[in-house]
Amino acid sequence: MTDTEVRLRTAHTADLAAAELTAIRVLLDAAFAGHPDGAFTDADWDHTLGGIHVMAWEGDALIGHASVVQRRLLHGGRALRTGYVEAVAVRADRRRRGHGGALMSVAERYIRGAYELGALGAAEEAVPFYAGRGWQRWQGPTSALTPYAGVVPTPDEDGFIYVLPLAPTPLDPTAPLTCDWRDGDVW
């Protein structure tokens, strides 16, 4: 098959067939196997669900995926409705052919149309990709709003959180940024 036969499909989690969900999980498990930040966990899978999935299919084979889920990020005394990008992956033998950019173009369209802010946690090797698309590194300290201890700093995430600012939401990228709570990796 050639890259020209790749088609993009978008769907909410609720509209995905069991076989599609299985294909996504298999792709993500393979893409993150041996990753320096660790394997793709059940908590990571949970974070992937409940929003819009952008999938790249080559025939019957899933070769790429990204999802956008809604979160709340606290900044400057406001809880911003945020399109948070999760589970971006392209099958190893299909990388560097523009599929990741195609997936992100669709994800960013959803973010621009429905949210006050876009955000994601970038793996170190993905930073040039996101920065080249206009995503900006958050320079201020990060934290999480926990159910047991209130706002708790997340210094290990500092420098790895990227935002896609959307007008007219004013942001101070040097100010603190706090994410809502979730199990597993909070960012």
N, C-alpha and C. Protein backbone atom coordinates (compact mmCIF):
# COMPACT_ATOMS: atom_id res chain seq x y z
N MET A 1 0.83 -1.19 0.00
CA MET A 1 0.00 0.00 0.00
C MET A 1 0.87 1.24 0.00
N THR A 2 0.34 2.30 -0.52
CA THR A 2 1.07 3.56 -0.54
C THR A 2 0.42 4.54 0.41
N ASP A 3 1.16 5.60 0.74
CA ASP A 3 0.64 6.61 1.63
C ASP A 3 -0.59 7.30 1.06
N THR A 4 -0.76 7.29 -0.25
CA THR A 4 -1.92 7.96 -0.84
C THR A 4 -3.22 7.26 -0.49
N GLU A 5 -3.14 6.04 -0.01
CA GLU A 5 -4.34 5.29 0.34
C GLU A 5 -4.73 5.46 1.81
N VAL A 6 -4.05 6.37 2.51
CA VAL A 6 -4.36 6.60 3.92
C VAL A 6 -5.58 7.49 4.03
N ARG A 7 -6.51 7.10 4.89
CA ARG A 7 -7.71 7.92 5.12
C ARG A 7 -7.79 8.24 6.61
N LEU A 8 -8.26 9.43 6.90
CA LEU A 8 -8.46 9.85 8.29
C LEU A 8 -9.91 9.66 8.67
N ARG A 9 -10.11 9.21 9.88
CA ARG A 9 -11.47 9.06 10.43
C ARG A 9 -11.48 9.69 11.80
N THR A 10 -12.52 10.44 12.09
CA THR A 10 -12.70 11.00 13.42
C THR A 10 -13.99 10.46 14.00
N ALA A 11 -13.96 10.21 15.30
CA ALA A 11 -15.15 9.71 15.98
C ALA A 11 -14.98 9.90 17.48
N HIS A 12 -16.09 10.11 18.14
CA HIS A 12 -16.08 10.14 19.60
C HIS A 12 -15.92 8.70 20.10
N THR A 13 -15.36 8.55 21.28
CA THR A 13 -15.19 7.21 21.85
C THR A 13 -16.48 6.41 21.79
N ALA A 14 -17.61 7.05 22.08
CA ALA A 14 -18.89 6.36 22.11
C ALA A 14 -19.28 5.78 20.75
N ASP A 15 -18.70 6.31 19.68
CA ASP A 15 -19.05 5.87 18.33
C ASP A 15 -18.06 4.88 17.73
N LEU A 16 -17.06 4.48 18.50
CA LEU A 16 -16.08 3.53 18.01
C LEU A 16 -16.53 2.10 18.26
N ALA A 17 -16.34 1.26 17.27
CA ALA A 17 -16.63 -0.17 17.43
C ALA A 17 -15.57 -0.80 18.30
N ALA A 18 -15.91 -1.94 18.89
CA ALA A 18 -14.96 -2.66 19.75
C ALA A 18 -13.67 -2.98 18.99
N ALA A 19 -13.78 -3.34 17.72
CA ALA A 19 -12.59 -3.65 16.92
C ALA A 19 -11.71 -2.42 16.73
N GLU A 20 -12.32 -1.24 16.59
CA GLU A 20 -11.54 -0.01 16.46
C GLU A 20 -10.80 0.31 17.76
N LEU A 21 -11.50 0.17 18.88
CA LEU A 21 -10.86 0.40 20.17
C LEU A 21 -9.69 -0.56 20.39
N THR A 22 -9.89 -1.82 20.02
CA THR A 22 -8.81 -2.79 20.13
C THR A 22 -7.63 -2.41 19.25
N ALA A 23 -7.90 -1.99 18.03
CA ALA A 23 -6.83 -1.59 17.11
C ALA A 23 -6.05 -0.38 17.66
N ILE A 24 -6.77 0.55 18.26
CA ILE A 24 -6.10 1.72 18.85
C ILE A 24 -5.19 1.28 19.99
N ARG A 25 -5.71 0.45 20.88
CA ARG A 25 -4.89 0.02 22.03
C ARG A 25 -3.67 -0.77 21.56
N VAL A 26 -3.83 -1.64 20.58
CA VAL A 26 -2.69 -2.40 20.06
C VAL A 26 -1.64 -1.46 19.48
N LEU A 27 -2.08 -0.46 18.69
CA LEU A 27 -1.16 0.51 18.12
C LEU A 27 -0.40 1.25 19.22
N LEU A 28 -1.12 1.72 20.23
CA LEU A 28 -0.49 2.50 21.30
C LEU A 28 0.47 1.64 22.13
N ASP A 29 0.08 0.42 22.43
CA ASP A 29 0.98 -0.48 23.16
C ASP A 29 2.28 -0.67 22.39
N ALA A 30 2.18 -0.89 21.08
CA ALA A 30 3.38 -1.11 20.26
C ALA A 30 4.20 0.17 20.14
N ALA A 31 3.55 1.30 19.96
CA ALA A 31 4.26 2.57 19.77
C ALA A 31 5.04 2.99 21.01
N PHE A 32 4.52 2.67 22.18
CA PHE A 32 5.18 3.11 23.42
C PHE A 32 6.00 2.01 24.09
N ALA A 33 6.06 0.84 23.51
CA ALA A 33 6.88 -0.24 24.07
C ALA A 33 8.34 0.20 24.02
N GLY A 34 9.03 0.09 25.14
CA GLY A 34 10.43 0.47 25.19
C GLY A 34 10.67 1.97 25.21
N HIS A 35 9.61 2.75 25.34
CA HIS A 35 9.75 4.21 25.38
C HIS A 35 10.46 4.63 26.67
N PRO A 36 11.32 5.65 26.61
CA PRO A 36 12.04 6.08 27.82
C PRO A 36 11.12 6.50 28.96
N ASP A 37 9.93 7.02 28.62
CA ASP A 37 8.99 7.43 29.68
C ASP A 37 8.14 6.28 30.19
N GLY A 38 8.33 5.09 29.64
CA GLY A 38 7.59 3.93 30.09
C GLY A 38 6.56 3.46 29.08
N ALA A 39 6.07 2.27 29.31
CA ALA A 39 5.07 1.65 28.43
C ALA A 39 3.73 2.35 28.57
N PHE A 40 2.87 2.07 27.63
CA PHE A 40 1.50 2.59 27.64
C PHE A 40 0.70 1.79 28.66
N THR A 41 0.20 2.45 29.69
CA THR A 41 -0.45 1.78 30.81
C THR A 41 -1.98 1.81 30.68
N ASP A 42 -2.65 1.07 31.56
CA ASP A 42 -4.11 1.12 31.60
C ASP A 42 -4.60 2.53 31.96
N ALA A 43 -3.87 3.24 32.83
CA ALA A 43 -4.24 4.63 33.16
C ALA A 43 -4.09 5.52 31.92
N ASP A 44 -3.01 5.31 31.14
CA ASP A 44 -2.85 6.06 29.89
C ASP A 44 -4.02 5.79 28.95
N TRP A 45 -4.44 4.55 28.88
CA TRP A 45 -5.58 4.18 28.04
C TRP A 45 -6.83 4.91 28.50
N ASP A 46 -7.05 4.94 29.80
CA ASP A 46 -8.21 5.64 30.35
C ASP A 46 -8.18 7.12 29.96
N HIS A 47 -7.00 7.73 29.96
CA HIS A 47 -6.87 9.14 29.59
C HIS A 47 -7.18 9.38 28.12
N THR A 48 -7.02 8.35 27.30
CA THR A 48 -7.25 8.44 25.86
C THR A 48 -8.73 8.49 25.51
N LEU A 49 -9.56 7.96 26.39
CA LEU A 49 -10.98 7.76 26.11
C LEU A 49 -11.84 8.94 26.54
N GLY A 50 -13.02 9.04 25.95
CA GLY A 50 -14.00 10.04 26.35
C GLY A 50 -14.01 11.30 25.52
N GLY A 51 -13.27 11.31 24.44
CA GLY A 51 -13.22 12.49 23.59
C GLY A 51 -13.24 12.10 22.12
N ILE A 52 -12.64 12.94 21.32
CA ILE A 52 -12.58 12.73 19.87
C ILE A 52 -11.29 12.00 19.52
N HIS A 53 -11.42 10.96 18.73
CA HIS A 53 -10.27 10.20 18.24
C HIS A 53 -10.06 10.54 16.77
N VAL A 54 -8.81 10.78 16.41
CA VAL A 54 -8.43 10.98 15.01
C VAL A 54 -7.58 9.77 14.65
N MET A 55 -8.02 9.03 13.66
CA MET A 55 -7.33 7.79 13.29
C MET A 55 -6.89 7.85 11.83
N ALA A 56 -5.71 7.32 11.57
CA ALA A 56 -5.21 7.18 10.20
C ALA A 56 -5.25 5.70 9.85
N TRP A 57 -6.01 5.37 8.82
CA TRP A 57 -6.17 3.99 8.37
C TRP A 57 -5.53 3.83 7.00
N GLU A 58 -4.77 2.78 6.84
CA GLU A 58 -4.22 2.39 5.55
C GLU A 58 -4.88 1.06 5.21
N GLY A 59 -5.90 1.12 4.38
CA GLY A 59 -6.72 -0.07 4.18
C GLY A 59 -7.42 -0.40 5.48
N ASP A 60 -7.26 -1.64 5.94
CA ASP A 60 -7.86 -2.07 7.20
C ASP A 60 -6.91 -1.94 8.38
N ALA A 61 -5.73 -1.38 8.16
CA ALA A 61 -4.71 -1.28 9.21
C ALA A 61 -4.67 0.14 9.79
N LEU A 62 -4.77 0.21 11.12
CA LEU A 62 -4.62 1.48 11.79
C LEU A 62 -3.13 1.82 11.87
N ILE A 63 -2.75 2.97 11.33
CA ILE A 63 -1.33 3.33 11.34
C ILE A 63 -1.05 4.58 12.17
N GLY A 64 -2.10 5.27 12.64
CA GLY A 64 -1.88 6.46 13.45
C GLY A 64 -3.10 6.82 14.27
N HIS A 65 -2.86 7.52 15.38
CA HIS A 65 -3.95 7.89 16.29
C HIS A 65 -3.57 9.13 17.10
N ALA A 66 -4.55 9.94 17.41
CA ALA A 66 -4.46 11.03 18.38
C ALA A 66 -5.86 11.22 18.95
N SER A 67 -5.94 11.64 20.20
CA SER A 67 -7.25 11.96 20.75
C SER A 67 -7.21 13.31 21.45
N VAL A 68 -8.38 13.93 21.53
CA VAL A 68 -8.55 15.19 22.24
C VAL A 68 -9.64 14.97 23.28
N VAL A 69 -9.28 15.16 24.53
CA VAL A 69 -10.23 15.01 25.63
C VAL A 69 -10.35 16.34 26.35
N GLN A 70 -11.49 16.56 26.97
CA GLN A 70 -11.68 17.82 27.70
C GLN A 70 -11.10 17.71 29.09
N ARG A 71 -10.38 18.74 29.48
CA ARG A 71 -9.85 18.88 30.84
C ARG A 71 -10.04 20.32 31.27
N ARG A 72 -9.80 20.58 32.54
CA ARG A 72 -9.78 21.94 33.06
C ARG A 72 -8.37 22.23 33.56
N LEU A 73 -7.79 23.32 33.05
CA LEU A 73 -6.51 23.79 33.54
C LEU A 73 -6.75 25.13 34.21
N LEU A 74 -6.14 25.30 35.37
CA LEU A 74 -6.29 26.52 36.14
C LEU A 74 -5.13 27.46 35.84
N HIS A 75 -5.49 28.70 35.47
CA HIS A 75 -4.49 29.71 35.12
C HIS A 75 -5.05 31.08 35.45
N GLY A 76 -4.31 31.84 36.22
CA GLY A 76 -4.71 33.22 36.51
C GLY A 76 -6.08 33.33 37.13
N GLY A 77 -6.44 32.40 38.00
CA GLY A 77 -7.73 32.45 38.66
C GLY A 77 -8.90 31.96 37.83
N ARG A 78 -8.62 31.36 36.67
CA ARG A 78 -9.68 30.84 35.79
C ARG A 78 -9.50 29.35 35.56
N ALA A 79 -10.62 28.67 35.40
CA ALA A 79 -10.61 27.25 35.00
C ALA A 79 -10.89 27.23 33.50
N LEU A 80 -9.84 26.97 32.72
CA LEU A 80 -9.96 27.03 31.26
C LEU A 80 -10.41 25.68 30.69
N ARG A 81 -11.45 25.71 29.87
CA ARG A 81 -11.90 24.52 29.15
C ARG A 81 -10.80 24.19 28.13
N THR A 82 -10.16 23.05 28.32
CA THR A 82 -8.96 22.74 27.57
C THR A 82 -9.13 21.47 26.75
N GLY A 83 -8.76 21.53 25.49
CA GLY A 83 -8.66 20.35 24.65
C GLY A 83 -7.28 19.76 24.87
N TYR A 84 -7.22 18.63 25.57
CA TYR A 84 -5.95 18.02 25.94
C TYR A 84 -5.66 16.87 24.99
N VAL A 85 -4.51 16.92 24.36
CA VAL A 85 -4.13 15.92 23.36
C VAL A 85 -3.50 14.72 24.06
N GLU A 86 -3.98 13.55 23.71
CA GLU A 86 -3.49 12.30 24.30
C GLU A 86 -3.18 11.29 23.20
N ALA A 87 -2.31 10.36 23.53
CA ALA A 87 -2.10 9.13 22.75
C ALA A 87 -1.82 9.39 21.27
N VAL A 88 -0.86 10.28 21.01
CA VAL A 88 -0.45 10.53 19.63
C VAL A 88 0.60 9.49 19.27
N ALA A 89 0.32 8.73 18.22
CA ALA A 89 1.27 7.69 17.80
C ALA A 89 1.07 7.38 16.32
N VAL A 90 2.17 7.06 15.67
CA VAL A 90 2.15 6.57 14.30
C VAL A 90 2.96 5.28 14.30
N ARG A 91 2.44 4.28 13.62
CA ARG A 91 3.12 2.99 13.54
C ARG A 91 4.57 3.20 13.08
N ALA A 92 5.50 2.48 13.66
CA ALA A 92 6.94 2.70 13.43
C ALA A 92 7.31 2.70 11.96
N ASP A 93 6.75 1.81 11.18
CA ASP A 93 7.12 1.73 9.76
C ASP A 93 6.42 2.77 8.89
N ARG A 94 5.61 3.64 9.50
CA ARG A 94 4.91 4.68 8.74
C ARG A 94 5.27 6.09 9.22
N ARG A 95 6.27 6.19 10.08
CA ARG A 95 6.67 7.50 10.60
C ARG A 95 7.45 8.29 9.57
N ARG A 96 7.49 9.61 9.79
CA ARG A 96 8.23 10.55 8.95
C ARG A 96 7.65 10.65 7.53
N ARG A 97 6.34 10.45 7.44
CA ARG A 97 5.67 10.56 6.14
C ARG A 97 4.51 11.55 6.17
N GLY A 98 4.42 12.33 7.26
CA GLY A 98 3.37 13.34 7.36
C GLY A 98 2.10 12.90 8.06
N HIS A 99 2.05 11.65 8.49
CA HIS A 99 0.81 11.16 9.13
C HIS A 99 0.56 11.84 10.48
N GLY A 100 1.62 12.03 11.27
CA GLY A 100 1.46 12.71 12.56
C GLY A 100 0.95 14.13 12.37
N GLY A 101 1.48 14.83 11.38
CA GLY A 101 1.01 16.18 11.09
C GLY A 101 -0.44 16.19 10.65
N ALA A 102 -0.84 15.22 9.86
CA ALA A 102 -2.23 15.13 9.42
C ALA A 102 -3.16 14.88 10.61
N LEU A 103 -2.75 13.98 11.51
CA LEU A 103 -3.54 13.71 12.71
C LEU A 103 -3.68 14.97 13.56
N MET A 104 -2.55 15.66 13.77
CA MET A 104 -2.57 16.85 14.61
C MET A 104 -3.35 18.00 13.98
N SER A 105 -3.34 18.12 12.66
CA SER A 105 -4.13 19.17 12.01
C SER A 105 -5.61 19.02 12.35
N VAL A 106 -6.09 17.80 12.32
CA VAL A 106 -7.49 17.55 12.66
C VAL A 106 -7.73 17.80 14.15
N ALA A 107 -6.84 17.29 15.00
CA ALA A 107 -6.98 17.50 16.45
C ALA A 107 -6.98 18.99 16.78
N GLU A 108 -6.09 19.74 16.15
CA GLU A 108 -6.02 21.18 16.41
C GLU A 108 -7.28 21.90 15.91
N ARG A 109 -7.88 21.42 14.85
CA ARG A 109 -9.15 22.02 14.38
C ARG A 109 -10.22 21.86 15.45
N TYR A 110 -10.30 20.68 16.05
CA TYR A 110 -11.26 20.47 17.13
C TYR A 110 -10.96 21.38 18.32
N ILE A 111 -9.69 21.50 18.66
CA ILE A 111 -9.31 22.36 19.79
C ILE A 111 -9.70 23.80 19.51
N ARG A 112 -9.36 24.30 18.34
CA ARG A 112 -9.68 25.69 18.00
C ARG A 112 -11.18 25.95 17.97
N GLY A 113 -11.96 24.95 17.61
CA GLY A 113 -13.40 25.14 17.50
C GLY A 113 -14.19 24.95 18.77
N ALA A 114 -13.59 24.34 19.79
CA ALA A 114 -14.39 23.97 20.96
C ALA A 114 -13.80 24.35 22.31
N TYR A 115 -12.57 24.82 22.35
CA TYR A 115 -11.90 25.02 23.64
C TYR A 115 -11.28 26.40 23.76
N GLU A 116 -10.94 26.76 24.99
CA GLU A 116 -10.25 28.02 25.26
C GLU A 116 -8.73 27.87 25.15
N LEU A 117 -8.26 26.62 25.22
CA LEU A 117 -6.83 26.36 25.25
C LEU A 117 -6.59 24.94 24.78
N GLY A 118 -5.47 24.72 24.13
CA GLY A 118 -5.00 23.37 23.82
C GLY A 118 -3.81 23.09 24.72
N ALA A 119 -3.63 21.84 25.14
CA ALA A 119 -2.48 21.49 25.97
C ALA A 119 -2.12 20.03 25.73
N LEU A 120 -0.87 19.71 26.04
CA LEU A 120 -0.40 18.33 25.96
C LEU A 120 0.91 18.21 26.73
N GLY A 121 1.21 16.98 27.10
CA GLY A 121 2.50 16.66 27.69
C GLY A 121 3.36 16.04 26.60
N ALA A 122 4.49 16.66 26.29
CA ALA A 122 5.32 16.22 25.17
C ALA A 122 6.50 15.38 25.65
N ALA A 123 6.68 14.25 25.01
CA ALA A 123 7.90 13.49 25.22
C ALA A 123 9.04 14.29 24.60
N GLU A 124 10.24 14.15 25.15
CA GLU A 124 11.37 14.96 24.70
C GLU A 124 11.60 14.88 23.20
N GLU A 125 11.50 13.68 22.63
CA GLU A 125 11.76 13.54 21.20
C GLU A 125 10.67 14.15 20.33
N ALA A 126 9.49 14.44 20.91
CA ALA A 126 8.39 15.03 20.15
C ALA A 126 8.36 16.55 20.21
N VAL A 127 9.19 17.15 21.05
CA VAL A 127 9.17 18.60 21.22
C VAL A 127 9.35 19.35 19.90
N PRO A 128 10.32 19.00 19.04
CA PRO A 128 10.45 19.74 17.78
C PRO A 128 9.19 19.65 16.91
N PHE A 129 8.53 18.51 16.92
CA PHE A 129 7.31 18.33 16.14
C PHE A 129 6.22 19.31 16.62
N TYR A 130 5.96 19.33 17.93
CA TYR A 130 4.91 20.21 18.45
C TYR A 130 5.30 21.68 18.34
N ALA A 131 6.53 22.01 18.65
CA ALA A 131 6.98 23.40 18.55
C ALA A 131 6.86 23.90 17.11
N GLY A 132 7.16 23.05 16.15
CA GLY A 132 7.04 23.41 14.75
C GLY A 132 5.60 23.66 14.31
N ARG A 133 4.65 23.18 15.09
CA ARG A 133 3.23 23.38 14.78
C ARG A 133 2.65 24.57 15.54
N GLY A 134 3.48 25.29 16.29
CA GLY A 134 3.01 26.46 17.01
C GLY A 134 2.68 26.22 18.47
N TRP A 135 2.87 25.00 18.96
CA TRP A 135 2.67 24.74 20.37
C TRP A 135 3.82 25.37 21.15
N GLN A 136 3.50 25.97 22.29
CA GLN A 136 4.50 26.70 23.07
C GLN A 136 4.74 26.03 24.41
N ARG A 137 6.03 25.93 24.74
CA ARG A 137 6.40 25.32 26.03
C ARG A 137 5.92 26.22 27.17
N TRP A 138 5.27 25.60 28.15
CA TRP A 138 4.85 26.35 29.32
C TRP A 138 6.07 26.59 30.19
N GLN A 139 6.35 27.84 30.47
CA GLN A 139 7.58 28.20 31.18
C GLN A 139 7.41 28.27 32.69
N GLY A 140 6.18 28.42 33.14
CA GLY A 140 5.94 28.54 34.57
C GLY A 140 5.86 27.19 35.25
N PRO A 141 5.72 27.21 36.57
CA PRO A 141 5.63 25.95 37.32
C PRO A 141 4.29 25.26 37.08
N THR A 142 4.31 23.93 37.10
CA THR A 142 3.09 23.15 36.94
C THR A 142 2.71 22.49 38.25
N SER A 143 1.43 22.16 38.35
CA SER A 143 0.92 21.49 39.54
C SER A 143 -0.37 20.77 39.18
N ALA A 144 -0.86 20.00 40.15
CA ALA A 144 -2.13 19.28 39.98
C ALA A 144 -3.02 19.58 41.17
N LEU A 145 -4.31 19.72 40.91
CA LEU A 145 -5.30 19.92 41.96
C LEU A 145 -5.74 18.53 42.42
N THR A 146 -5.23 18.10 43.56
CA THR A 146 -5.48 16.73 44.03
C THR A 146 -6.68 16.70 44.99
N PRO A 147 -7.32 15.55 45.11
CA PRO A 147 -8.46 15.44 46.02
C PRO A 147 -8.04 15.29 47.48
N TYR A 148 -6.77 15.05 47.72
CA TYR A 148 -6.33 14.77 49.09
C TYR A 148 -5.42 15.83 49.68
N ALA A 149 -4.76 16.63 48.86
CA ALA A 149 -3.81 17.61 49.40
C ALA A 149 -3.89 18.96 48.70
N GLY A 150 -4.97 19.21 47.98
CA GLY A 150 -5.09 20.48 47.27
C GLY A 150 -4.11 20.56 46.11
N VAL A 151 -3.56 21.73 45.88
CA VAL A 151 -2.63 21.95 44.77
C VAL A 151 -1.25 21.42 45.17
N VAL A 152 -0.75 20.48 44.35
CA VAL A 152 0.54 19.84 44.61
C VAL A 152 1.45 20.09 43.39
N PRO A 153 2.65 20.63 43.62
CA PRO A 153 3.57 20.88 42.50
C PRO A 153 3.91 19.58 41.75
N THR A 154 4.11 19.71 40.43
CA THR A 154 4.53 18.59 39.58
C THR A 154 5.82 18.99 38.85
N PRO A 155 6.91 19.17 39.60
CA PRO A 155 8.15 19.69 39.00
C PRO A 155 8.74 18.80 37.91
N ASP A 156 8.46 17.50 37.94
CA ASP A 156 8.98 16.61 36.89
C ASP A 156 8.35 16.91 35.54
N GLU A 157 7.20 17.59 35.53
CA GLU A 157 6.53 17.93 34.28
C GLU A 157 6.94 19.30 33.74
N ASP A 158 7.58 20.10 34.59
CA ASP A 158 7.99 21.44 34.16
C ASP A 158 8.89 21.34 32.93
N GLY A 159 8.56 22.11 31.92
CA GLY A 159 9.32 22.11 30.67
C GLY A 159 8.80 21.13 29.63
N PHE A 160 7.85 20.25 30.01
CA PHE A 160 7.32 19.26 29.08
C PHE A 160 5.85 19.49 28.74
N ILE A 161 5.25 20.51 29.33
CA ILE A 161 3.87 20.84 29.03
C ILE A 161 3.87 21.91 27.94
N TYR A 162 3.08 21.66 26.90
CA TYR A 162 2.97 22.58 25.78
C TYR A 162 1.53 23.02 25.64
N VAL A 163 1.34 24.27 25.26
CA VAL A 163 0.00 24.81 25.09
C VAL A 163 -0.15 25.39 23.69
N LEU A 164 -1.37 25.37 23.23
CA LEU A 164 -1.76 26.01 21.98
C LEU A 164 -2.69 27.15 22.38
N PRO A 165 -2.13 28.35 22.56
CA PRO A 165 -2.96 29.47 23.00
C PRO A 165 -3.98 29.84 21.93
N LEU A 166 -5.16 30.15 22.38
CA LEU A 166 -6.24 30.52 21.47
C LEU A 166 -6.76 31.89 21.86
N ALA A 167 -6.81 32.81 20.91
CA ALA A 167 -7.35 34.14 21.18
C ALA A 167 -8.85 34.00 21.45
N PRO A 168 -9.43 34.76 22.30
CA PRO A 168 -8.87 35.91 23.00
C PRO A 168 -8.38 35.58 24.41
N THR A 169 -8.16 34.30 24.75
CA THR A 169 -7.74 33.93 26.09
C THR A 169 -6.31 34.41 26.35
N PRO A 170 -6.13 35.42 27.24
CA PRO A 170 -4.77 35.88 27.53
C PRO A 170 -4.07 34.91 28.48
N LEU A 171 -2.83 34.59 28.15
CA LEU A 171 -2.05 33.68 28.99
C LEU A 171 -0.72 34.32 29.35
N ASP A 172 -0.28 34.07 30.57
CA ASP A 172 1.08 34.42 30.98
C ASP A 172 1.83 33.10 31.09
N PRO A 173 2.66 32.77 30.10
CA PRO A 173 3.33 31.46 30.09
C PRO A 173 4.37 31.27 31.20
N THR A 174 4.60 32.31 32.00
CA THR A 174 5.53 32.16 33.11
C THR A 174 4.79 31.95 34.44
N ALA A 175 3.47 32.05 34.41
CA ALA A 175 2.65 31.89 35.61
C ALA A 175 2.43 30.41 35.90
N PRO A 176 1.96 30.09 37.10
CA PRO A 176 1.64 28.69 37.41
C PRO A 176 0.49 28.17 36.53
N LEU A 177 0.54 26.87 36.23
CA LEU A 177 -0.51 26.19 35.49
C LEU A 177 -0.84 24.92 36.24
N THR A 178 -2.11 24.74 36.56
CA THR A 178 -2.55 23.60 37.37
C THR A 178 -3.56 22.78 36.59
N CYS A 179 -3.35 21.46 36.59
CA CYS A 179 -4.29 20.57 35.89
C CYS A 179 -5.28 19.96 36.88
N ASP A 180 -6.41 19.53 36.34
CA ASP A 180 -7.39 18.80 37.13
C ASP A 180 -6.83 17.42 37.47
N TRP A 181 -7.44 16.78 38.42
CA TRP A 181 -6.96 15.48 38.91
C TRP A 181 -7.42 14.33 38.03
N ARG A 182 -6.57 13.33 37.90
CA ARG A 182 -6.93 12.06 37.28
C ARG A 182 -5.94 11.02 37.78
N ASP A 183 -6.33 9.77 37.73
CA ASP A 183 -5.44 8.68 38.14
C ASP A 183 -4.28 8.55 37.15
N GLY A 184 -3.20 7.95 37.59
CA GLY A 184 -2.03 7.78 36.73
C GLY A 184 -1.27 9.08 36.59
N ASP A 185 -0.65 9.28 35.44
CA ASP A 185 0.06 10.55 35.19
C ASP A 185 -0.96 11.66 35.10
N VAL A 186 -0.83 12.65 35.99
CA VAL A 186 -1.83 13.72 36.01
C VAL A 186 -1.71 14.62 34.79
N TRP A 187 -0.53 14.78 34.25
CA TRP A 187 -0.35 15.57 33.05
C TRP A 187 -0.33 14.63 31.87
